Amino acid sequence: MNKKELKHQVKDLYNELNECIDHSPRIVEFVLKVAKASKTIECELNNGIYMREIKRRKLTNDFIKTCNHFDIHEALNIDIKEARKKLKNFDFTIKEKNIILDTFKGGAERFLNRYDGEVIN
């Protein structure tokens, strides 16, 4: 199968799974378990869970404050001096915050563990 056809089938699967959630949630759970056989996919799905928890608990600013100016420089592709200034004044647009969150979502679980000492499942 070529990449274009794979993308179409993934999109179709996504739509079908969303419809199955209401009337056949076990099918969706089974597909998720199969997908989590890949450690990469499992990590990405877990990172999504932790990021949603950070956003739900309104800890976005606290999460960004744990970054250093080199992280901000890397995520936003700006000068280190400007990154240091933005972090010091905490002068970020919503778009910049979302870029930082997407870039460093792998640290969300560790942040939540340090924040309140428990893992969210």
PDB file of N, CA and C in Angstrom:
ATOM      1  N   MET A   1       0.838  -1.176   0.000  1.00  0.00           N
ATOM      2  CA  MET A   1       0.000   0.000   0.000  1.00  0.00           C
ATOM      3  C   MET A   1       0.888   1.246   0.000  1.00  0.00           C
ATOM      4  N   ASN A   2       0.512   2.242  -0.769  1.00  0.00           N
ATOM      5  CA  ASN A   2       1.303   3.474  -0.777  1.00  0.00           C
ATOM      6  C   ASN A   2       0.883   4.391   0.374  1.00  0.00           C
ATOM      7  N   LYS A   3       1.682   5.423   0.611  1.00  0.00           N
ATOM      8  CA  LYS A   3       1.436   6.310   1.755  1.00  0.00           C
ATOM      9  C   LYS A   3       0.107   7.035   1.661  1.00  0.00           C
ATOM     10  N   LYS A   4      -0.278   7.409   0.454  1.00  0.00           N
ATOM     11  CA  LYS A   4      -1.535   8.132   0.282  1.00  0.00           C
ATOM     12  C   LYS A   4      -2.715   7.254   0.707  1.00  0.00           C
ATOM     13  N   GLU A   5      -2.700   6.002   0.279  1.00  0.00           N
ATOM     14  CA  GLU A   5      -3.778   5.079   0.651  1.00  0.00           C
ATOM     15  C   GLU A   5      -3.762   4.804   2.160  1.00  0.00           C
ATOM     16  N   LEU A   6      -2.566   4.677   2.737  1.00  0.00           N
ATOM     17  CA  LEU A   6      -2.468   4.475   4.182  1.00  0.00           C
ATOM     18  C   LEU A   6      -3.090   5.644   4.939  1.00  0.00           C
ATOM     19  N   LYS A   7      -2.810   6.863   4.492  1.00  0.00           N
ATOM     20  CA  LYS A   7      -3.376   8.045   5.147  1.00  0.00           C
ATOM     21  C   LYS A   7      -4.897   8.043   5.059  1.00  0.00           C
ATOM     22  N   HIS A   8      -5.435   7.644   3.904  1.00  0.00           N
ATOM     23  CA  HIS A   8      -6.892   7.576   3.754  1.00  0.00           C
ATOM     24  C   HIS A   8      -7.490   6.526   4.686  1.00  0.00           C
ATOM     25  N   GLN A   9      -6.838   5.387   4.786  1.00  0.00           N
ATOM     26  CA  GLN A   9      -7.368   4.335   5.651  1.00  0.00           C
ATOM     27  C   GLN A   9      -7.283   4.706   7.124  1.00  0.00           C
ATOM     28  N   VAL A  10      -6.218   5.402   7.513  1.00  0.00           N
ATOM     29  CA  VAL A  10      -6.112   5.862   8.906  1.00  0.00           C
ATOM     30  C   VAL A  10      -7.209   6.869   9.208  1.00  0.00           C
ATOM     31  N   LYS A  11      -7.478   7.751   8.259  1.00  0.00           N
ATOM     32  CA  LYS A  11      -8.556   8.727   8.440  1.00  0.00           C
ATOM     33  C   LYS A  11      -9.904   8.015   8.560  1.00  0.00           C
ATOM     34  N   ASP A  12     -10.146   7.014   7.713  1.00  0.00           N
ATOM     35  CA  ASP A  12     -11.386   6.240   7.790  1.00  0.00           C
ATOM     36  C   ASP A  12     -11.502   5.511   9.119  1.00  0.00           C
ATOM     37  N   LEU A  13     -10.393   4.924   9.580  1.00  0.00           N
ATOM     38  CA  LEU A  13     -10.382   4.225  10.862  1.00  0.00           C
ATOM     39  C   LEU A  13     -10.691   5.187  12.006  1.00  0.00           C
ATOM     40  N   TYR A  14     -10.088   6.363  11.955  1.00  0.00           N
ATOM     41  CA  TYR A  14     -10.338   7.395  12.965  1.00  0.00           C
ATOM     42  C   TYR A  14     -11.828   7.726  13.028  1.00  0.00           C
ATOM     43  N   ASN A  15     -12.430   7.963  11.876  1.00  0.00           N
ATOM     44  CA  ASN A  15     -13.864   8.298  11.834  1.00  0.00           C
ATOM     45  C   ASN A  15     -14.717   7.146  12.370  1.00  0.00           C
ATOM     46  N   GLU A  16     -14.380   5.933  11.990  1.00  0.00           N
ATOM     47  CA  GLU A  16     -15.142   4.766  12.445  1.00  0.00           C
ATOM     48  C   GLU A  16     -15.005   4.563  13.955  1.00  0.00           C
ATOM     49  N   LEU A  17     -13.790   4.737  14.477  1.00  0.00           N
ATOM     50  CA  LEU A  17     -13.585   4.581  15.920  1.00  0.00           C
ATOM     51  C   LEU A  17     -14.358   5.627  16.710  1.00  0.00           C
ATOM     52  N   ASN A  18     -14.396   6.847  16.202  1.00  0.00           N
ATOM     53  CA  ASN A  18     -15.170   7.890  16.881  1.00  0.00           C
ATOM     54  C   ASN A  18     -16.653   7.540  16.929  1.00  0.00           C
ATOM     55  N   GLU A  19     -17.171   6.929  15.870  1.00  0.00           N
ATOM     56  CA  GLU A  19     -18.575   6.533  15.867  1.00  0.00           C
ATOM     57  C   GLU A  19     -18.823   5.328  16.777  1.00  0.00           C
ATOM     58  N   CYS A  20     -17.828   4.461  16.917  1.00  0.00           N
ATOM     59  CA  CYS A  20     -17.975   3.260  17.753  1.00  0.00           C
ATOM     60  C   CYS A  20     -17.931   3.564  19.248  1.00  0.00           C
ATOM     61  N   ILE A  21     -17.424   4.698  19.632  1.00  0.00           N
ATOM     62  CA  ILE A  21     -17.278   5.025  21.050  1.00  0.00           C
ATOM     63  C   ILE A  21     -18.613   4.935  21.786  1.00  0.00           C
ATOM     64  N   ASP A  22     -19.686   5.401  21.160  1.00  0.00           N
ATOM     65  CA  ASP A  22     -20.995   5.407  21.822  1.00  0.00           C
ATOM     66  C   ASP A  22     -21.623   4.026  21.925  1.00  0.00           C
ATOM     67  N   HIS A  23     -21.553   3.244  20.857  1.00  0.00           N
ATOM     68  CA  HIS A  23     -22.270   1.975  20.873  1.00  0.00           C
ATOM     69  C   HIS A  23     -21.386   0.742  21.046  1.00  0.00           C
ATOM     70  N   SER A  24     -20.082   0.860  20.838  1.00  0.00           N
ATOM     71  CA  SER A  24     -19.173  -0.290  21.006  1.00  0.00           C
ATOM     72  C   SER A  24     -17.831   0.152  21.582  1.00  0.00           C
ATOM     73  N   PRO A  25     -17.818   0.632  22.814  1.00  0.00           N
ATOM     74  CA  PRO A  25     -16.564   1.136  23.376  1.00  0.00           C
ATOM     75  C   PRO A  25     -15.492   0.058  23.523  1.00  0.00           C
ATOM     76  N   ARG A  26     -15.897  -1.202  23.652  1.00  0.00           N
ATOM     77  CA  ARG A  26     -14.909  -2.280  23.804  1.00  0.00           C
ATOM     78  C   ARG A  26     -14.070  -2.448  22.535  1.00  0.00           C
ATOM     79  N   ILE A  27     -14.680  -2.217  21.388  1.00  0.00           N
ATOM     80  CA  ILE A  27     -13.920  -2.297  20.129  1.00  0.00           C
ATOM     81  C   ILE A  27     -12.836  -1.232  20.121  1.00  0.00           C
ATOM     82  N   VAL A  28     -13.185  -0.041  20.538  1.00  0.00           N
ATOM     83  CA  VAL A  28     -12.219   1.065  20.569  1.00  0.00           C
ATOM     84  C   VAL A  28     -11.105   0.755  21.560  1.00  0.00           C
ATOM     85  N   GLU A  29     -11.446   0.230  22.730  1.00  0.00           N
ATOM     86  CA  GLU A  29     -10.439  -0.138  23.729  1.00  0.00           C
ATOM     87  C   GLU A  29      -9.506  -1.212  23.177  1.00  0.00           C
ATOM     88  N   PHE A  30     -10.056  -2.174  22.450  1.00  0.00           N
ATOM     89  CA  PHE A  30      -9.239  -3.230  21.860  1.00  0.00           C
ATOM     90  C   PHE A  30      -8.255  -2.657  20.833  1.00  0.00           C
ATOM     91  N   VAL A  31      -8.735  -1.763  19.981  1.00  0.00           N
ATOM     92  CA  VAL A  31      -7.866  -1.152  18.971  1.00  0.00           C
ATOM     93  C   VAL A  31      -6.754  -0.351  19.646  1.00  0.00           C
ATOM     94  N   LEU A  32      -7.081   0.349  20.726  1.00  0.00           N
ATOM     95  CA  LEU A  32      -6.063   1.099  21.462  1.00  0.00           C
ATOM     96  C   LEU A  32      -5.018   0.168  22.078  1.00  0.00           C
ATOM     97  N   LYS A  33      -5.464  -0.970  22.620  1.00  0.00           N
ATOM     98  CA  LYS A  33      -4.514  -1.930  23.187  1.00  0.00           C
ATOM     99  C   LYS A  33      -3.577  -2.473  22.116  1.00  0.00           C
ATOM    100  N   VAL A  34      -4.120  -2.756  20.938  1.00  0.00           N
ATOM    101  CA  VAL A  34      -3.287  -3.246  19.835  1.00  0.00           C
ATOM    102  C   VAL A  34      -2.297  -2.167  19.404  1.00  0.00           C
ATOM    103  N   ALA A  35      -2.766  -0.936  19.324  1.00  0.00           N
ATOM    104  CA  ALA A  35      -1.879   0.159  18.915  1.00  0.00           C
ATOM    105  C   ALA A  35      -0.777   0.384  19.935  1.00  0.00           C
ATOM    106  N   LYS A  36      -1.077   0.168  21.208  1.00  0.00           N
ATOM    107  CA  LYS A  36      -0.087   0.385  22.264  1.00  0.00           C
ATOM    108  C   LYS A  36       0.971  -0.709  22.319  1.00  0.00           C
ATOM    109  N   ALA A  37       0.862  -1.697  21.442  1.00  0.00           N
ATOM    110  CA  ALA A  37       1.924  -2.703  21.336  1.00  0.00           C
ATOM    111  C   ALA A  37       3.212  -2.037  20.868  1.00  0.00           C
ATOM    112  N   SER A  38       3.075  -0.947  20.146  1.00  0.00           N
ATOM    113  CA  SER A  38       4.228  -0.146  19.742  1.00  0.00           C
ATOM    114  C   SER A  38       4.544   0.826  20.874  1.00  0.00           C
ATOM    115  N   LYS A  39       5.749   0.760  21.399  1.00  0.00           N
ATOM    116  CA  LYS A  39       6.145   1.646  22.509  1.00  0.00           C
ATOM    117  C   LYS A  39       6.080   3.114  22.103  1.00  0.00           C
ATOM    118  N   THR A  40       6.392   3.405  20.848  1.00  0.00           N
ATOM    119  CA  THR A  40       6.348   4.795  20.373  1.00  0.00           C
ATOM    120  C   THR A  40       4.925   5.333  20.449  1.00  0.00           C
ATOM    121  N   ILE A  41       3.984   4.563  19.952  1.00  0.00           N
ATOM    122  CA  ILE A  41       2.586   4.997  19.985  1.00  0.00           C
ATOM    123  C   ILE A  41       2.096   5.092  21.422  1.00  0.00           C
ATOM    124  N   GLU A  42       2.479   4.124  22.245  1.00  0.00           N
ATOM    125  CA  GLU A  42       2.070   4.151  23.652  1.00  0.00           C
ATOM    126  C   GLU A  42       2.581   5.413  24.346  1.00  0.00           C
ATOM    127  N   CYS A  43       3.820   5.767  24.109  1.00  0.00           N
ATOM    128  CA  CYS A  43       4.386   6.983  24.726  1.00  0.00           C
ATOM    129  C   CYS A  43       3.641   8.229  24.260  1.00  0.00           C
ATOM    130  N   GLU A  44       3.356   8.308  22.963  1.00  0.00           N
ATOM    131  CA  GLU A  44       2.648   9.473  22.440  1.00  0.00           C
ATOM    132  C   GLU A  44       1.238   9.577  23.021  1.00  0.00           C
ATOM    133  N   LEU A  45       0.550   8.449  23.129  1.00  0.00           N
ATOM    134  CA  LEU A  45      -0.792   8.464  23.713  1.00  0.00           C
ATOM    135  C   LEU A  45      -0.753   8.869  25.180  1.00  0.00           C
ATOM    136  N   ASN A  46       0.212   8.359  25.924  1.00  0.00           N
ATOM    137  CA  ASN A  46       0.346   8.730  27.333  1.00  0.00           C
ATOM    138  C   ASN A  46       0.707  10.202  27.484  1.00  0.00           C
ATOM    139  N   ASN A  47       1.578  10.709  26.620  1.00  0.00           N
ATOM    140  CA  ASN A  47       1.929  12.128  26.670  1.00  0.00           C
ATOM    141  C   ASN A  47       0.689  12.987  26.458  1.00  0.00           C
ATOM    142  N   GLY A  48      -0.194  12.553  25.568  1.00  0.00           N
ATOM    143  CA  GLY A  48      -1.443  13.279  25.343  1.00  0.00           C
ATOM    144  C   GLY A  48      -2.310  13.304  26.585  1.00  0.00           C
ATOM    145  N   ILE A  49      -2.364  12.173  27.284  1.00  0.00           N
ATOM    146  CA  ILE A  49      -3.149  12.095  28.526  1.00  0.00           C
ATOM    147  C   ILE A  49      -2.603  13.081  29.560  1.00  0.00           C
ATOM    148  N   TYR A  50      -1.291  13.099  29.730  1.00  0.00           N
ATOM    149  CA  TYR A  50      -0.676  13.977  30.731  1.00  0.00           C
ATOM    150  C   TYR A  50      -0.827  15.448  30.349  1.00  0.00           C
ATOM    151  N   MET A  51      -0.722  15.766  29.059  1.00  0.00           N
ATOM    152  CA  MET A  51      -0.886  17.158  28.646  1.00  0.00           C
ATOM    153  C   MET A  51      -2.329  17.615  28.856  1.00  0.00           C
ATOM    154  N   ARG A  52      -3.285  16.756  28.584  1.00  0.00           N
ATOM    155  CA  ARG A  52      -4.683  17.124  28.842  1.00  0.00           C
ATOM    156  C   ARG A  52      -4.902  17.363  30.333  1.00  0.00           C
ATOM    157  N   GLU A  53      -4.247  16.556  31.169  1.00  0.00           N
ATOM    158  CA  GLU A  53      -4.371  16.736  32.620  1.00  0.00           C
ATOM    159  C   GLU A  53      -3.764  18.076  33.048  1.00  0.00           C
ATOM    160  N   ILE A  54      -2.633  18.433  32.470  1.00  0.00           N
ATOM    161  CA  ILE A  54      -2.007  19.726  32.783  1.00  0.00           C
ATOM    162  C   ILE A  54      -2.939  20.863  32.381  1.00  0.00           C
ATOM    163  N   LYS A  55      -3.525  20.768  31.193  1.00  0.00           N
ATOM    164  CA  LYS A  55      -4.430  21.823  30.730  1.00  0.00           C
ATOM    165  C   LYS A  55      -5.710  21.849  31.563  1.00  0.00           C
ATOM    166  N   ARG A  56      -6.241  20.679  31.924  1.00  0.00           N
ATOM    167  CA  ARG A  56      -7.468  20.603  32.719  1.00  0.00           C
ATOM    168  C   ARG A  56      -7.268  21.253  34.080  1.00  0.00           C
ATOM    169  N   ARG A  57      -6.113  21.021  34.660  1.00  0.00           N
ATOM    170  CA  ARG A  57      -5.818  21.571  35.991  1.00  0.00           C
ATOM    171  C   ARG A  57      -5.234  22.976  35.923  1.00  0.00           C
ATOM    172  N   LYS A  58      -5.166  23.534  34.724  1.00  0.00           N
ATOM    173  CA  LYS A  58      -4.666  24.901  34.493  1.00  0.00           C
ATOM    174  C   LYS A  58      -3.255  25.087  35.043  1.00  0.00           C
ATOM    175  N   LEU A  59      -2.384  24.120  34.725  1.00  0.00           N
ATOM    176  CA  LEU A  59      -0.988  24.168  35.149  1.00  0.00           C
ATOM    177  C   LEU A  59      -0.047  24.497  33.997  1.00  0.00           C
ATOM    178  N   THR A  60      -0.609  25.004  32.911  1.00  0.00           N
ATOM    179  CA  THR A  60       0.188  25.291  31.722  1.00  0.00           C
ATOM    180  C   THR A  60       1.342  26.236  32.036  1.00  0.00           C
ATOM    181  N   ASN A  61       1.050  27.328  32.719  1.00  0.00           N
ATOM    182  CA  ASN A  61       2.099  28.299  33.033  1.00  0.00           C
ATOM    183  C   ASN A  61       3.164  27.696  33.942  1.00  0.00           C
ATOM    184  N   ASP A  62       2.733  26.894  34.908  1.00  0.00           N
ATOM    185  CA  ASP A  62       3.691  26.241  35.807  1.00  0.00           C
ATOM    186  C   ASP A  62       4.593  25.282  35.036  1.00  0.00           C
ATOM    187  N   PHE A  63       4.004  24.563  34.069  1.00  0.00           N
ATOM    188  CA  PHE A  63       4.785  23.636  33.253  1.00  0.00           C
ATOM    189  C   PHE A  63       5.823  24.391  32.430  1.00  0.00           C
ATOM    190  N   ILE A  64       5.421  25.499  31.829  1.00  0.00           N
ATOM    191  CA  ILE A  64       6.351  26.286  31.007  1.00  0.00           C
ATOM    192  C   ILE A  64       7.447  26.891  31.874  1.00  0.00           C
ATOM    193  N   LYS A  65       7.128  27.267  33.099  1.00  0.00           N
ATOM    194  CA  LYS A  65       8.135  27.850  33.991  1.00  0.00           C
ATOM    195  C   LYS A  65       9.222  26.856  34.371  1.00  0.00           C
ATOM    196  N   THR A  66       8.951  25.555  34.211  1.00  0.00           N
ATOM    197  CA  THR A  66       9.990  24.561  34.497  1.00  0.00           C
ATOM    198  C   THR A  66      11.022  24.472  33.376  1.00  0.00           C
ATOM    199  N   CYS A  67      10.715  25.061  32.235  1.00  0.00           N
ATOM    200  CA  CYS A  67      11.666  25.073  31.111  1.00  0.00           C
ATOM    201  C   CYS A  67      12.745  26.118  31.383  1.00  0.00           C
ATOM    202  N   ASN A  68      13.901  25.913  30.788  1.00  0.00           N
ATOM    203  CA  ASN A  68      14.934  26.939  30.888  1.00  0.00           C
ATOM    204  C   ASN A  68      14.983  27.718  29.574  1.00  0.00           C
ATOM    205  N   HIS A  69      15.802  28.765  29.543  1.00  0.00           N
ATOM    206  CA  HIS A  69      15.815  29.622  28.358  1.00  0.00           C
ATOM    207  C   HIS A  69      16.344  28.892  27.122  1.00  0.00           C
ATOM    208  N   PHE A  70      17.176  27.867  27.291  1.00  0.00           N
ATOM    209  CA  PHE A  70      17.630  27.093  26.145  1.00  0.00           C
ATOM    210  C   PHE A  70      16.476  26.290  25.539  1.00  0.00           C
ATOM    211  N   ASP A  71      15.590  25.779  26.403  1.00  0.00           N
ATOM    212  CA  ASP A  71      14.404  25.064  25.915  1.00  0.00           C
ATOM    213  C   ASP A  71      13.501  26.004  25.116  1.00  0.00           C
ATOM    214  N   ILE A  72      13.290  27.201  25.645  1.00  0.00           N
ATOM    215  CA  ILE A  72      12.445  28.190  24.974  1.00  0.00           C
ATOM    216  C   ILE A  72      13.074  28.578  23.640  1.00  0.00           C
ATOM    217  N   HIS A  73      14.383  28.774  23.642  1.00  0.00           N
ATOM    218  CA  HIS A  73      15.126  29.094  22.419  1.00  0.00           C
ATOM    219  C   HIS A  73      14.916  28.003  21.366  1.00  0.00           C
ATOM    220  N   GLU A  74      15.000  26.757  21.792  1.00  0.00           N
ATOM    221  CA  GLU A  74      14.852  25.630  20.879  1.00  0.00           C
ATOM    222  C   GLU A  74      13.420  25.509  20.362  1.00  0.00           C
ATOM    223  N   ALA A  75      12.446  25.626  21.244  1.00  0.00           N
ATOM    224  CA  ALA A  75      11.052  25.432  20.854  1.00  0.00           C
ATOM    225  C   ALA A  75      10.555  26.537  19.928  1.00  0.00           C
ATOM    226  N   LEU A  76      10.879  27.773  20.247  1.00  0.00           N
ATOM    227  CA  LEU A  76      10.361  28.908  19.484  1.00  0.00           C
ATOM    228  C   LEU A  76      11.293  29.362  18.370  1.00  0.00           C
ATOM    229  N   ASN A  77      12.485  28.781  18.333  1.00  0.00           N
ATOM    230  CA  ASN A  77      13.472  29.134  17.314  1.00  0.00           C
ATOM    231  C   ASN A  77      13.772  30.639  17.337  1.00  0.00           C
ATOM    232  N   ILE A  78      14.067  31.127  18.543  1.00  0.00           N
ATOM    233  CA  ILE A  78      14.410  32.534  18.731  1.00  0.00           C
ATOM    234  C   ILE A  78      15.801  32.627  19.354  1.00  0.00           C
ATOM    235  N   ASP A  79      16.323  33.840  19.412  1.00  0.00           N
ATOM    236  CA  ASP A  79      17.630  34.080  19.999  1.00  0.00           C
ATOM    237  C   ASP A  79      17.604  33.748  21.497  1.00  0.00           C
ATOM    238  N   ILE A  80      18.718  33.272  22.016  1.00  0.00           N
ATOM    239  CA  ILE A  80      18.797  32.878  23.430  1.00  0.00           C
ATOM    240  C   ILE A  80      18.519  34.072  24.341  1.00  0.00           C
ATOM    241  N   LYS A  81      19.029  35.230  23.947  1.00  0.00           N
ATOM    242  CA  LYS A  81      18.809  36.438  24.751  1.00  0.00           C
ATOM    243  C   LYS A  81      17.316  36.778  24.822  1.00  0.00           C
ATOM    244  N   GLU A  82      16.648  36.663  23.691  1.00  0.00           N
ATOM    245  CA  GLU A  82      15.212  36.928  23.656  1.00  0.00           C
ATOM    246  C   GLU A  82      14.439  35.872  24.455  1.00  0.00           C
ATOM    247  N   ALA A  83      14.878  34.623  24.381  1.00  0.00           N
ATOM    248  CA  ALA A  83      14.238  33.544  25.134  1.00  0.00           C
ATOM    249  C   ALA A  83      14.376  33.794  26.631  1.00  0.00           C
ATOM    250  N   ARG A  84      15.544  34.237  27.055  1.00  0.00           N
ATOM    251  CA  ARG A  84      15.779  34.535  28.472  1.00  0.00           C
ATOM    252  C   ARG A  84      14.840  35.652  28.930  1.00  0.00           C
ATOM    253  N   LYS A  85      14.698  36.676  28.096  1.00  0.00           N
ATOM    254  CA  LYS A  85      13.835  37.808  28.430  1.00  0.00           C
ATOM    255  C   LYS A  85      12.364  37.381  28.506  1.00  0.00           C
ATOM    256  N   LYS A  86      11.933  36.583  27.529  1.00  0.00           N
ATOM    257  CA  LYS A  86      10.547  36.106  27.524  1.00  0.00           C
ATOM    258  C   LYS A  86      10.248  35.266  28.757  1.00  0.00           C
ATOM    259  N   LEU A  87      11.188  34.416  29.129  1.00  0.00           N
ATOM    260  CA  LEU A  87      10.978  33.566  30.296  1.00  0.00           C
ATOM    261  C   LEU A  87      10.981  34.389  31.580  1.00  0.00           C
ATOM    262  N   LYS A  88      11.871  35.356  31.669  1.00  0.00           N
ATOM    263  CA  LYS A  88      11.952  36.197  32.869  1.00  0.00           C
ATOM    264  C   LYS A  88      10.657  36.990  33.068  1.00  0.00           C
ATOM    265  N   ASN A  89      10.151  37.580  31.975  1.00  0.00           N
ATOM    266  CA  ASN A  89       8.923  38.384  32.046  1.00  0.00           C
ATOM    267  C   ASN A  89       7.663  37.539  31.848  1.00  0.00           C
ATOM    268  N   PHE A  90       7.834  36.288  31.531  1.00  0.00           N
ATOM    269  CA  PHE A  90       6.766  35.362  31.170  1.00  0.00           C
ATOM    270  C   PHE A  90       5.831  36.020  30.164  1.00  0.00           C
ATOM    271  N   ASP A  91       6.428  36.429  29.062  1.00  0.00           N
ATOM    272  CA  ASP A  91       5.737  37.168  28.010  1.00  0.00           C
ATOM    273  C   ASP A  91       5.546  36.260  26.794  1.00  0.00           C
ATOM    274  N   PHE A  92       4.572  35.353  26.869  1.00  0.00           N
ATOM    275  CA  PHE A  92       4.318  34.407  25.787  1.00  0.00           C
ATOM    276  C   PHE A  92       2.906  34.591  25.259  1.00  0.00           C
ATOM    277  N   THR A  93       2.771  34.474  23.948  1.00  0.00           N
ATOM    278  CA  THR A  93       1.437  34.461  23.357  1.00  0.00           C
ATOM    279  C   THR A  93       0.863  33.053  23.532  1.00  0.00           C
ATOM    280  N   ILE A  94      -0.411  32.916  23.289  1.00  0.00           N
ATOM    281  CA  ILE A  94      -1.045  31.592  23.391  1.00  0.00           C
ATOM    282  C   ILE A  94      -0.426  30.647  22.371  1.00  0.00           C
ATOM    283  N   LYS A  95      -0.148  31.151  21.182  1.00  0.00           N
ATOM    284  CA  LYS A  95       0.468  30.325  20.138  1.00  0.00           C
ATOM    285  C   LYS A  95       1.843  29.835  20.585  1.00  0.00           C
ATOM    286  N   GLU A  96       2.628  30.709  21.198  1.00  0.00           N
ATOM    287  CA  GLU A  96       3.958  30.329  21.687  1.00  0.00           C
ATOM    288  C   GLU A  96       3.845  29.293  22.813  1.00  0.00           C
ATOM    289  N   LYS A  97       2.877  29.481  23.696  1.00  0.00           N
ATOM    290  CA  LYS A  97       2.677  28.507  24.773  1.00  0.00           C
ATOM    291  C   LYS A  97       2.348  27.137  24.200  1.00  0.00           C
ATOM    292  N   ASN A  98       1.484  27.099  23.190  1.00  0.00           N
ATOM    293  CA  ASN A  98       1.119  25.827  22.577  1.00  0.00           C
ATOM    294  C   ASN A  98       2.309  25.165  21.889  1.00  0.00           C
ATOM    295  N   ILE A  99       3.165  25.950  21.265  1.00  0.00           N
ATOM    296  CA  ILE A  99       4.368  25.409  20.630  1.00  0.00           C
ATOM    297  C   ILE A  99       5.276  24.795  21.685  1.00  0.00           C
ATOM    298  N   ILE A 100       5.449  25.483  22.791  1.00  0.00           N
ATOM    299  CA  ILE A 100       6.302  24.980  23.875  1.00  0.00           C
ATOM    300  C   ILE A 100       5.710  23.687  24.447  1.00  0.00           C
ATOM    301  N   LEU A 101       4.396  23.679  24.667  1.00  0.00           N
ATOM    302  CA  LEU A 101       3.748  22.480  25.199  1.00  0.00           C
ATOM    303  C   LEU A 101       3.909  21.302  24.247  1.00  0.00           C
ATOM    304  N   ASP A 102       3.718  21.531  22.960  1.00  0.00           N
ATOM    305  CA  ASP A 102       3.860  20.450  21.982  1.00  0.00           C
ATOM    306  C   ASP A 102       5.293  19.956  21.903  1.00  0.00           C
ATOM    307  N   THR A 103       6.246  20.856  22.018  1.00  0.00           N
ATOM    308  CA  THR A 103       7.649  20.485  21.915  1.00  0.00           C
ATOM    309  C   THR A 103       8.099  19.656  23.112  1.00  0.00           C
ATOM    310  N   PHE A 104       7.648  20.001  24.293  1.00  0.00           N
ATOM    311  CA  PHE A 104       8.141  19.348  25.506  1.00  0.00           C
ATOM    312  C   PHE A 104       7.078  18.511  26.214  1.00  0.00           C
ATOM    313  N   LYS A 105       6.107  17.996  25.463  1.00  0.00           N
ATOM    314  CA  LYS A 105       5.054  17.189  26.078  1.00  0.00           C
ATOM    315  C   LYS A 105       5.580  15.888  26.677  1.00  0.00           C
ATOM    316  N   GLY A 106       6.761  15.464  26.258  1.00  0.00           N
ATOM    317  CA  GLY A 106       7.362  14.257  26.828  1.00  0.00           C
ATOM    318  C   GLY A 106       7.690  14.409  28.300  1.00  0.00           C
ATOM    319  N   GLY A 107       7.834  15.632  28.791  1.00  0.00           N
ATOM    320  CA  GLY A 107       8.142  15.876  30.194  1.00  0.00           C
ATOM    321  C   GLY A 107       6.908  16.093  31.050  1.00  0.00           C
ATOM    322  N   ALA A 108       5.727  15.937  30.479  1.00  0.00           N
ATOM    323  CA  ALA A 108       4.493  16.210  31.213  1.00  0.00           C
ATOM    324  C   ALA A 108       4.291  15.243  32.378  1.00  0.00           C
ATOM    325  N   GLU A 109       4.574  13.966  32.162  1.00  0.00           N
ATOM    326  CA  GLU A 109       4.401  12.987  33.238  1.00  0.00           C
ATOM    327  C   GLU A 109       5.344  13.300  34.401  1.00  0.00           C
ATOM    328  N   ARG A 110       6.585  13.591  34.094  1.00  0.00           N
ATOM    329  CA  ARG A 110       7.569  13.913  35.133  1.00  0.00           C
ATOM    330  C   ARG A 110       7.152  15.173  35.886  1.00  0.00           C
ATOM    331  N   PHE A 111       6.629  16.166  35.162  1.00  0.00           N
ATOM    332  CA  PHE A 111       6.167  17.399  35.801  1.00  0.00           C
ATOM    333  C   PHE A 111       5.035  17.110  36.782  1.00  0.00           C
ATOM    334  N   LEU A 112       4.049  16.322  36.350  1.00  0.00           N
ATOM    335  CA  LEU A 112       2.926  16.009  37.235  1.00  0.00           C
ATOM    336  C   LEU A 112       3.375  15.215  38.448  1.00  0.00           C
ATOM    337  N   ASN A 113       4.327  14.320  38.257  1.00  0.00           N
ATOM    338  CA  ASN A 113       4.849  13.548  39.395  1.00  0.00           C
ATOM    339  C   ASN A 113       5.508  14.465  40.412  1.00  0.00           C
ATOM    340  N   ARG A 114       6.283  15.426  39.931  1.00  0.00           N
ATOM    341  CA  ARG A 114       6.938  16.355  40.853  1.00  0.00           C
ATOM    342  C   ARG A 114       5.938  17.341  41.452  1.00  0.00           C
ATOM    343  N   TYR A 115       4.908  17.682  40.689  1.00  0.00           N
ATOM    344  CA  TYR A 115       3.960  18.695  41.145  1.00  0.00           C
ATOM    345  C   TYR A 115       3.136  18.203  42.330  1.00  0.00           C
ATOM    346  N   ASP A 116       2.629  16.975  42.226  1.00  0.00           N
ATOM    347  CA  ASP A 116       1.801  16.500  43.331  1.00  0.00           C
ATOM    348  C   ASP A 116       2.114  15.081  43.782  1.00  0.00           C
ATOM    349  N   GLY A 117       3.184  14.523  43.302  1.00  0.00           N
ATOM    350  CA  GLY A 117       3.637  13.241  43.814  1.00  0.00           C
ATOM    351  C   GLY A 117       2.843  12.032  43.394  1.00  0.00           C
ATOM    352  N   GLU A 118       1.979  12.165  42.401  1.00  0.00           N
ATOM    353  CA  GLU A 118       1.218  11.007  41.957  1.00  0.00           C
ATOM    354  C   GLU A 118       1.114  10.998  40.433  1.00  0.00           C
ATOM    355  N   VAL A 119       0.919   9.816  39.878  1.00  0.00           N
ATOM    356  CA  VAL A 119       0.783   9.660  38.437  1.00  0.00           C
ATOM    357  C   VAL A 119      -0.696   9.592  38.114  1.00  0.00           C
ATOM    358  N   ILE A 120      -1.095  10.312  37.074  1.00  0.00           N
ATOM    359  CA  ILE A 120      -2.487  10.327  36.640  1.00  0.00           C
ATOM    360  C   ILE A 120      -2.672   9.216  35.607  1.00  0.00           C
ATOM    361  N   ASN A 121      -3.632   8.350  35.806  1.00  0.00           N
ATOM    362  CA  ASN A 121      -3.912   7.273  34.840  1.00  0.00           C
ATOM    363  C   ASN A 121      -5.259   7.432  34.222  1.00  0.00           C
TER     364      ASN A 121
END
